PDB file of N, CA and C in Angstrom:
ATOM      1  N   UNK A   1     223.160 -38.761 179.335  1.00  0.00           N
ATOM      2  CA  UNK A   1     223.118 -40.088 179.936  1.00  0.00           C
ATOM      3  C   UNK A   1     222.415 -41.057 178.988  1.00  0.00           C
ATOM      4  N   UNK A   2     222.977 -42.230 178.847  1.00  0.00           N
ATOM      5  CA  UNK A   2     222.399 -43.229 177.940  1.00  0.00           C
ATOM      6  C   UNK A   2     221.048 -43.699 178.467  1.00  0.00           C
ATOM      7  N   UNK A   3     220.164 -43.943 177.536  1.00  0.00           N
ATOM      8  CA  UNK A   3     218.837 -44.431 177.894  1.00  0.00           C
ATOM      9  C   UNK A   3     218.876 -45.952 178.003  1.00  0.00           C
ATOM     10  N   UNK A   4     218.034 -46.487 178.882  1.00  0.00           N
ATOM     11  CA  UNK A   4     217.916 -47.937 179.005  1.00  0.00           C
ATOM     12  C   UNK A   4     216.837 -48.383 178.031  1.00  0.00           C
ATOM     13  N   UNK A   5     217.200 -49.282 177.125  1.00  0.00           N
ATOM     14  CA  UNK A   5     216.274 -49.732 176.089  1.00  0.00           C
ATOM     15  C   UNK A   5     216.149 -51.243 176.144  1.00  0.00           C
ATOM     16  N   UNK A   6     214.900 -51.707 176.213  1.00  0.00           N
ATOM     17  CA  UNK A   6     214.607 -53.138 176.200  1.00  0.00           C
ATOM     18  C   UNK A   6     213.611 -53.389 175.071  1.00  0.00           C
ATOM     19  N   UNK A   7     213.887 -54.399 174.260  1.00  0.00           N
ATOM     20  CA  UNK A   7     212.971 -54.782 173.188  1.00  0.00           C
ATOM     21  C   UNK A   7     212.473 -56.195 173.472  1.00  0.00           C
ATOM     22  N   UNK A   8     211.182 -56.315 173.726  1.00  0.00           N
ATOM     23  CA  UNK A   8     210.552 -57.637 173.862  1.00  0.00           C
ATOM     24  C   UNK A   8     210.211 -58.093 172.450  1.00  0.00           C
ATOM     25  N   UNK A   9     210.708 -59.265 172.078  1.00  0.00           N
ATOM     26  CA  UNK A   9     210.584 -59.710 170.696  1.00  0.00           C
ATOM     27  C   UNK A   9     210.553 -61.230 170.616  1.00  0.00           C
ATOM     28  N   UNK A  10     210.489 -61.726 169.371  1.00  0.00           N
ATOM     29  CA  UNK A  10     210.612 -63.153 169.082  1.00  0.00           C
ATOM     30  C   UNK A  10     211.127 -63.285 167.653  1.00  0.00           C
ATOM     31  N   UNK A  11     211.772 -64.407 167.359  1.00  0.00           N
ATOM     32  CA  UNK A  11     212.396 -64.592 166.045  1.00  0.00           C
ATOM     33  C   UNK A  11     211.379 -64.592 164.904  1.00  0.00           C
ATOM     34  N   UNK A  12     210.142 -64.994 165.182  1.00  0.00           N
ATOM     35  CA  UNK A  12     209.122 -65.093 164.134  1.00  0.00           C
ATOM     36  C   UNK A  12     208.395 -63.766 163.859  1.00  0.00           C
ATOM     37  N   UNK A  13     208.786 -62.694 164.525  1.00  0.00           N
ATOM     38  CA  UNK A  13     208.056 -61.426 164.482  1.00  0.00           C
ATOM     39  C   UNK A  13     208.725 -60.408 163.557  1.00  0.00           C
ATOM     40  N   UNK A  14     208.114 -60.105 162.394  1.00  0.00           N
ATOM     41  CA  UNK A  14     208.706 -59.136 161.458  1.00  0.00           C
ATOM     42  C   UNK A  14     208.855 -57.735 162.059  1.00  0.00           C
ATOM     43  N   UNK A  15     207.882 -57.292 162.838  1.00  0.00           N
ATOM     44  CA  UNK A  15     207.971 -55.974 163.467  1.00  0.00           C
ATOM     45  C   UNK A  15     209.126 -55.888 164.450  1.00  0.00           C
ATOM     46  N   UNK A  16     209.396 -57.003 165.108  1.00  0.00           N
ATOM     47  CA  UNK A  16     210.518 -57.055 166.051  1.00  0.00           C
ATOM     48  C   UNK A  16     211.840 -56.862 165.325  1.00  0.00           C
ATOM     49  N   UNK A  17     211.972 -57.539 164.186  1.00  0.00           N
ATOM     50  CA  UNK A  17     213.191 -57.391 163.382  1.00  0.00           C
ATOM     51  C   UNK A  17     213.341 -55.942 162.932  1.00  0.00           C
ATOM     52  N   UNK A  18     212.230 -55.300 162.575  1.00  0.00           N
ATOM     53  CA  UNK A  18     212.263 -53.909 162.118  1.00  0.00           C
ATOM     54  C   UNK A  18     212.752 -52.988 163.240  1.00  0.00           C
ATOM     55  N   UNK A  19     212.236 -53.181 164.452  1.00  0.00           N
ATOM     56  CA  UNK A  19     212.667 -52.353 165.594  1.00  0.00           C
ATOM     57  C   UNK A  19     214.156 -52.547 165.841  1.00  0.00           C
ATOM     58  N   UNK A  20     214.598 -53.804 165.911  1.00  0.00           N
ATOM     59  CA  UNK A  20     216.005 -54.086 166.206  1.00  0.00           C
ATOM     60  C   UNK A  20     216.921 -53.550 165.110  1.00  0.00           C
ATOM     61  N   UNK A  21     216.519 -53.713 163.844  1.00  0.00           N
ATOM     62  CA  UNK A  21     217.324 -53.189 162.743  1.00  0.00           C
ATOM     63  C   UNK A  21     217.411 -51.669 162.796  1.00  0.00           C
ATOM     64  N   UNK A  22     216.296 -51.012 163.113  1.00  0.00           N
ATOM     65  CA  UNK A  22     216.289 -49.552 163.232  1.00  0.00           C
ATOM     66  C   UNK A  22     217.279 -49.101 164.304  1.00  0.00           C
ATOM     67  N   UNK A  23     217.226 -49.733 165.465  1.00  0.00           N
ATOM     68  CA  UNK A  23     218.134 -49.366 166.555  1.00  0.00           C
ATOM     69  C   UNK A  23     219.589 -49.622 166.168  1.00  0.00           C
ATOM     70  N   UNK A  24     219.847 -50.755 165.525  1.00  0.00           N
ATOM     71  CA  UNK A  24     221.216 -51.076 165.095  1.00  0.00           C
ATOM     72  C   UNK A  24     221.721 -50.068 164.071  1.00  0.00           C
ATOM     73  N   UNK A  25     220.857 -49.675 163.126  1.00  0.00           N
ATOM     74  CA  UNK A  25     221.249 -48.694 162.098  1.00  0.00           C
ATOM     75  C   UNK A  25     221.641 -47.358 162.725  1.00  0.00           C
ATOM     76  N   UNK A  26     221.065 -47.045 163.873  1.00  0.00           N
ATOM     77  CA  UNK A  26     221.375 -45.795 164.564  1.00  0.00           C
ATOM     78  C   UNK A  26     222.399 -46.002 165.685  1.00  0.00           C
ATOM     79  N   UNK A  27     223.044 -47.169 165.683  1.00  0.00           N
ATOM     80  CA  UNK A  27     224.084 -47.489 166.674  1.00  0.00           C
ATOM     81  C   UNK A  27     223.601 -47.295 168.105  1.00  0.00           C
ATOM     82  N   UNK A  28     222.380 -47.751 168.359  1.00  0.00           N
ATOM     83  CA  UNK A  28     221.787 -47.626 169.685  1.00  0.00           C
ATOM     84  C   UNK A  28     221.780 -49.000 170.345  1.00  0.00           C
ATOM     85  N   UNK A  29     222.412 -49.077 171.516  1.00  0.00           N
ATOM     86  CA  UNK A  29     222.475 -50.348 172.235  1.00  0.00           C
ATOM     87  C   UNK A  29     221.138 -50.624 172.901  1.00  0.00           C
ATOM     88  N   UNK A  30     220.762 -51.896 172.913  1.00  0.00           N
ATOM     89  CA  UNK A  30     219.507 -52.295 173.540  1.00  0.00           C
ATOM     90  C   UNK A  30     219.639 -53.711 174.064  1.00  0.00           C
ATOM     91  N   UNK A  31     218.765 -54.034 174.995  1.00  0.00           N
ATOM     92  CA  UNK A  31     218.678 -55.402 175.513  1.00  0.00           C
ATOM     93  C   UNK A  31     217.495 -56.069 174.834  1.00  0.00           C
ATOM     94  N   UNK A  32     217.740 -57.225 174.241  1.00  0.00           N
ATOM     95  CA  UNK A  32     216.653 -57.977 173.621  1.00  0.00           C
ATOM     96  C   UNK A  32     216.151 -59.029 174.592  1.00  0.00           C
ATOM     97  N   UNK A  33     214.831 -59.099 174.725  1.00  0.00           N
ATOM     98  CA  UNK A  33     214.211 -60.130 175.559  1.00  0.00           C
ATOM     99  C   UNK A  33     213.280 -60.947 174.670  1.00  0.00           C
ATOM    100  N   UNK A  34     213.758 -62.113 174.265  1.00  0.00           N
ATOM    101  CA  UNK A  34     213.036 -62.983 173.333  1.00  0.00           C
ATOM    102  C   UNK A  34     212.012 -63.816 174.103  1.00  0.00           C
ATOM    103  N   UNK A  35     210.740 -63.484 173.919  1.00  0.00           N
ATOM    104  CA  UNK A  35     209.683 -64.175 174.660  1.00  0.00           C
ATOM    105  C   UNK A  35     209.458 -65.599 174.156  1.00  0.00           C
ATOM    106  N   UNK A  36     209.952 -65.902 172.959  1.00  0.00           N
ATOM    107  CA  UNK A  36     209.831 -67.252 172.431  1.00  0.00           C
ATOM    108  C   UNK A  36     210.849 -68.203 173.031  1.00  0.00           C
ATOM    109  N   UNK A  37     211.932 -67.643 173.546  1.00  0.00           N
ATOM    110  CA  UNK A  37     213.011 -68.451 174.102  1.00  0.00           C
ATOM    111  C   UNK A  37     213.028 -68.441 175.633  1.00  0.00           C
ATOM    112  N   UNK A  38     212.298 -67.497 176.243  1.00  0.00           N
ATOM    113  CA  UNK A  38     212.394 -67.340 177.680  1.00  0.00           C
ATOM    114  C   UNK A  38     211.010 -67.054 178.273  1.00  0.00           C
ATOM    115  N   UNK A  39     210.482 -68.000 179.018  1.00  0.00           N
ATOM    116  CA  UNK A  39     209.142 -67.862 179.607  1.00  0.00           C
ATOM    117  C   UNK A  39     209.073 -66.697 180.595  1.00  0.00           C
ATOM    118  N   UNK A  40     210.176 -66.424 181.274  1.00  0.00           N
ATOM    119  CA  UNK A  40     210.193 -65.317 182.241  1.00  0.00           C
ATOM    120  C   UNK A  40     209.954 -63.976 181.532  1.00  0.00           C
ATOM    121  N   UNK A  41     210.568 -63.798 180.349  1.00  0.00           N
ATOM    122  CA  UNK A  41     210.356 -62.563 179.581  1.00  0.00           C
ATOM    123  C   UNK A  41     208.907 -62.465 179.119  1.00  0.00           C
ATOM    124  N   UNK A  42     208.352 -63.597 178.733  1.00  0.00           N
ATOM    125  CA  UNK A  42     206.943 -63.623 178.307  1.00  0.00           C
ATOM    126  C   UNK A  42     206.042 -63.209 179.466  1.00  0.00           C
ATOM    127  N   UNK A  43     206.350 -63.715 180.664  1.00  0.00           N
ATOM    128  CA  UNK A  43     205.565 -63.367 181.854  1.00  0.00           C
ATOM    129  C   UNK A  43     205.715 -61.884 182.181  1.00  0.00           C
ATOM    130  N   UNK A  44     206.934 -61.346 182.072  1.00  0.00           N
ATOM    131  CA  UNK A  44     207.161 -59.912 182.311  1.00  0.00           C
ATOM    132  C   UNK A  44     206.257 -59.079 181.402  1.00  0.00           C
ATOM    133  N   UNK A  45     206.219 -59.456 180.136  1.00  0.00           N
ATOM    134  CA  UNK A  45     205.417 -58.739 179.142  1.00  0.00           C
ATOM    135  C   UNK A  45     203.932 -58.805 179.509  1.00  0.00           C
ATOM    136  N   UNK A  46     203.473 -59.988 179.858  1.00  0.00           N
ATOM    137  CA  UNK A  46     202.070 -60.169 180.232  1.00  0.00           C
ATOM    138  C   UNK A  46     201.742 -59.404 181.511  1.00  0.00           C
ATOM    139  N   UNK A  47     202.672 -59.370 182.450  1.00  0.00           N
ATOM    140  CA  UNK A  47     202.459 -58.634 183.699  1.00  0.00           C
ATOM    141  C   UNK A  47     202.327 -57.130 183.448  1.00  0.00           C
ATOM    142  N   UNK A  48     202.907 -56.651 182.352  1.00  0.00           N
ATOM    143  CA  UNK A  48     202.768 -55.241 181.971  1.00  0.00           C
ATOM    144  C   UNK A  48     201.449 -54.991 181.240  1.00  0.00           C
ATOM    145  N   UNK A  49     200.718 -56.078 180.962  1.00  0.00           N
ATOM    146  CA  UNK A  49     199.431 -55.939 180.286  1.00  0.00           C
ATOM    147  C   UNK A  49     199.502 -56.082 178.777  1.00  0.00           C
ATOM    148  N   UNK A  50     200.597 -56.660 178.281  1.00  0.00           N
ATOM    149  CA  UNK A  50     200.772 -56.802 176.832  1.00  0.00           C
ATOM    150  C   UNK A  50     200.882 -58.272 176.443  1.00  0.00           C
ATOM    151  N   UNK A  51     200.260 -58.603 175.317  1.00  0.00           N
ATOM    152  CA  UNK A  51     200.357 -59.964 174.785  1.00  0.00           C
ATOM    153  C   UNK A  51     200.946 -59.986 173.392  1.00  0.00           C
ATOM    154  N   UNK A  52     201.139 -58.814 172.796  1.00  0.00           N
ATOM    155  CA  UNK A  52     201.686 -58.767 171.439  1.00  0.00           C
ATOM    156  C   UNK A  52     203.063 -58.115 171.464  1.00  0.00           C
ATOM    157  N   UNK A  53     203.835 -58.408 170.444  1.00  0.00           N
ATOM    158  CA  UNK A  53     205.183 -57.869 170.312  1.00  0.00           C
ATOM    159  C   UNK A  53     205.306 -57.214 168.945  1.00  0.00           C
ATOM    160  N   UNK A  54     206.257 -56.344 168.738  1.00  0.00           N
ATOM    161  CA  UNK A  54     207.272 -55.908 169.688  1.00  0.00           C
ATOM    162  C   UNK A  54     206.736 -54.882 170.683  1.00  0.00           C
ATOM    163  N   UNK A  55     207.359 -54.884 171.849  1.00  0.00           N
ATOM    164  CA  UNK A  55     207.177 -53.815 172.825  1.00  0.00           C
ATOM    165  C   UNK A  55     208.577 -53.305 173.132  1.00  0.00           C
ATOM    166  N   UNK A  56     208.781 -52.010 172.895  1.00  0.00           N
ATOM    167  CA  UNK A  56     210.077 -51.395 173.146  1.00  0.00           C
ATOM    168  C   UNK A  56     209.923 -50.473 174.348  1.00  0.00           C
ATOM    169  N   UNK A  57     210.786 -50.645 175.314  1.00  0.00           N
ATOM    170  CA  UNK A  57     210.759 -49.788 176.493  1.00  0.00           C
ATOM    171  C   UNK A  57     212.010 -48.922 176.459  1.00  0.00           C
ATOM    172  N   UNK A  58     211.775 -47.613 176.435  1.00  0.00           N
ATOM    173  CA  UNK A  58     212.871 -46.648 176.430  1.00  0.00           C
ATOM    174  C   UNK A  58     212.719 -45.848 177.717  1.00  0.00           C
ATOM    175  N   UNK A  59     213.632 -46.092 178.653  1.00  0.00           N
ATOM    176  CA  UNK A  59     213.499 -45.592 180.021  1.00  0.00           C
ATOM    177  C   UNK A  59     212.155 -46.069 180.565  1.00  0.00           C
ATOM    178  N   UNK A  60     211.199 -45.180 180.785  1.00  0.00           N
ATOM    179  CA  UNK A  60     209.909 -45.610 181.328  1.00  0.00           C
ATOM    180  C   UNK A  60     208.795 -45.594 180.283  1.00  0.00           C
ATOM    181  N   UNK A  61     209.117 -45.265 179.040  1.00  0.00           N
ATOM    182  CA  UNK A  61     208.102 -45.174 177.989  1.00  0.00           C
ATOM    183  C   UNK A  61     207.970 -46.498 177.249  1.00  0.00           C
ATOM    184  N   UNK A  62     206.716 -46.982 177.127  1.00  0.00           N
ATOM    185  CA  UNK A  62     206.451 -48.214 176.377  1.00  0.00           C
ATOM    186  C   UNK A  62     205.961 -47.852 174.992  1.00  0.00           C
ATOM    187  N   UNK A  63     206.578 -48.442 173.976  1.00  0.00           N
ATOM    188  CA  UNK A  63     206.172 -48.224 172.591  1.00  0.00           C
ATOM    189  C   UNK A  63     205.732 -49.565 172.027  1.00  0.00           C
ATOM    190  N   UNK A  64     204.470 -49.610 171.611  1.00  0.00           N
ATOM    191  CA  UNK A  64     203.878 -50.853 171.119  1.00  0.00           C
ATOM    192  C   UNK A  64     204.033 -50.900 169.606  1.00  0.00           C
ATOM    193  N   UNK A  65     204.506 -52.039 169.093  1.00  0.00           N
ATOM    194  CA  UNK A  65     204.690 -52.180 167.650  1.00  0.00           C
ATOM    195  C   UNK A  65     205.918 -51.429 167.171  1.00  0.00           C
ATOM    196  N   UNK A  66     206.089 -51.382 165.851  1.00  0.00           N
ATOM    197  CA  UNK A  66     207.213 -50.651 165.263  1.00  0.00           C
ATOM    198  C   UNK A  66     206.714 -49.264 164.887  1.00  0.00           C
ATOM    199  N   UNK A  67     206.749 -48.353 165.856  1.00  0.00           N
ATOM    200  CA  UNK A  67     206.278 -46.978 165.666  1.00  0.00           C
ATOM    201  C   UNK A  67     207.503 -46.079 165.572  1.00  0.00           C
ATOM    202  N   UNK A  68     207.957 -45.856 164.334  1.00  0.00           N
ATOM    203  CA  UNK A  68     209.207 -45.124 164.097  1.00  0.00           C
ATOM    204  C   UNK A  68     209.177 -43.746 164.737  1.00  0.00           C
ATOM    205  N   UNK A  69     208.085 -43.031 164.579  1.00  0.00           N
ATOM    206  CA  UNK A  69     208.012 -41.665 165.103  1.00  0.00           C
ATOM    207  C   UNK A  69     208.135 -41.637 166.625  1.00  0.00           C
ATOM    208  N   UNK A  70     207.463 -42.539 167.296  1.00  0.00           N
ATOM    209  CA  UNK A  70     207.549 -42.575 168.766  1.00  0.00           C
ATOM    210  C   UNK A  70     208.954 -42.968 169.218  1.00  0.00           C
ATOM    211  N   UNK A  71     209.566 -43.914 168.506  1.00  0.00           N
ATOM    212  CA  UNK A  71     210.926 -44.333 168.859  1.00  0.00           C
ATOM    213  C   UNK A  71     211.893 -43.168 168.667  1.00  0.00           C
ATOM    214  N   UNK A  72     211.794 -42.486 167.526  1.00  0.00           N
ATOM    215  CA  UNK A  72     212.673 -41.334 167.262  1.00  0.00           C
ATOM    216  C   UNK A  72     212.500 -40.262 168.331  1.00  0.00           C
ATOM    217  N   UNK A  73     211.250 -39.964 168.675  1.00  0.00           N
ATOM    218  CA  UNK A  73     210.970 -38.926 169.674  1.00  0.00           C
ATOM    219  C   UNK A  73     211.552 -39.317 171.025  1.00  0.00           C
ATOM    220  N   UNK A  74     211.367 -40.570 171.431  1.00  0.00           N
ATOM    221  CA  UNK A  74     211.866 -41.033 172.722  1.00  0.00           C
ATOM    222  C   UNK A  74     213.392 -41.000 172.790  1.00  0.00           C
ATOM    223  N   UNK A  75     214.033 -41.178 171.621  1.00  0.00           N
ATOM    224  CA  UNK A  75     215.505 -41.213 171.582  1.00  0.00           C
ATOM    225  C   UNK A  75     216.121 -39.883 171.134  1.00  0.00           C
ATOM    226  N   UNK A  76     215.252 -38.899 170.846  1.00  0.00           N
ATOM    227  CA  UNK A  76     215.725 -37.586 170.374  1.00  0.00           C
ATOM    228  C   UNK A  76     216.594 -37.706 169.122  1.00  0.00           C
ATOM    229  N   UNK A  77     216.115 -38.462 168.133  1.00  0.00           N
ATOM    230  CA  UNK A  77     216.839 -38.560 166.863  1.00  0.00           C
ATOM    231  C   UNK A  77     215.927 -38.126 165.729  1.00  0.00           C
ATOM    232  N   UNK A  78     216.537 -37.664 164.664  1.00  0.00           N
ATOM    233  CA  UNK A  78     215.780 -37.174 163.497  1.00  0.00           C
ATOM    234  C   UNK A  78     215.427 -38.308 162.570  1.00  0.00           C
TER     235      UNK A  78
END
C-alpha cells in the first residue's frame, strides 16, 4: 500500500528542495504544503509544534530537516 507523504516546505528553503528532489529521484509521490504561500499550512505546522522546515510526514512519522537515513528507513528504500 502506498504511503501518504506530506512535505511542509517553502521556496526559500534549501533543505526543502533537497527533500523534494530526493523523493522525485526515487519516483515517490508526495503532497507539498508551501507554508510561504499558504497560512493554513503554516498554522498546521505550528499546531504540530514545529516552526522550522522542512518537515516530512510519512504516514504517521514526522521527519525534521533533510534526514536521508530516516526518510529511507520510513520508505523502505536503500
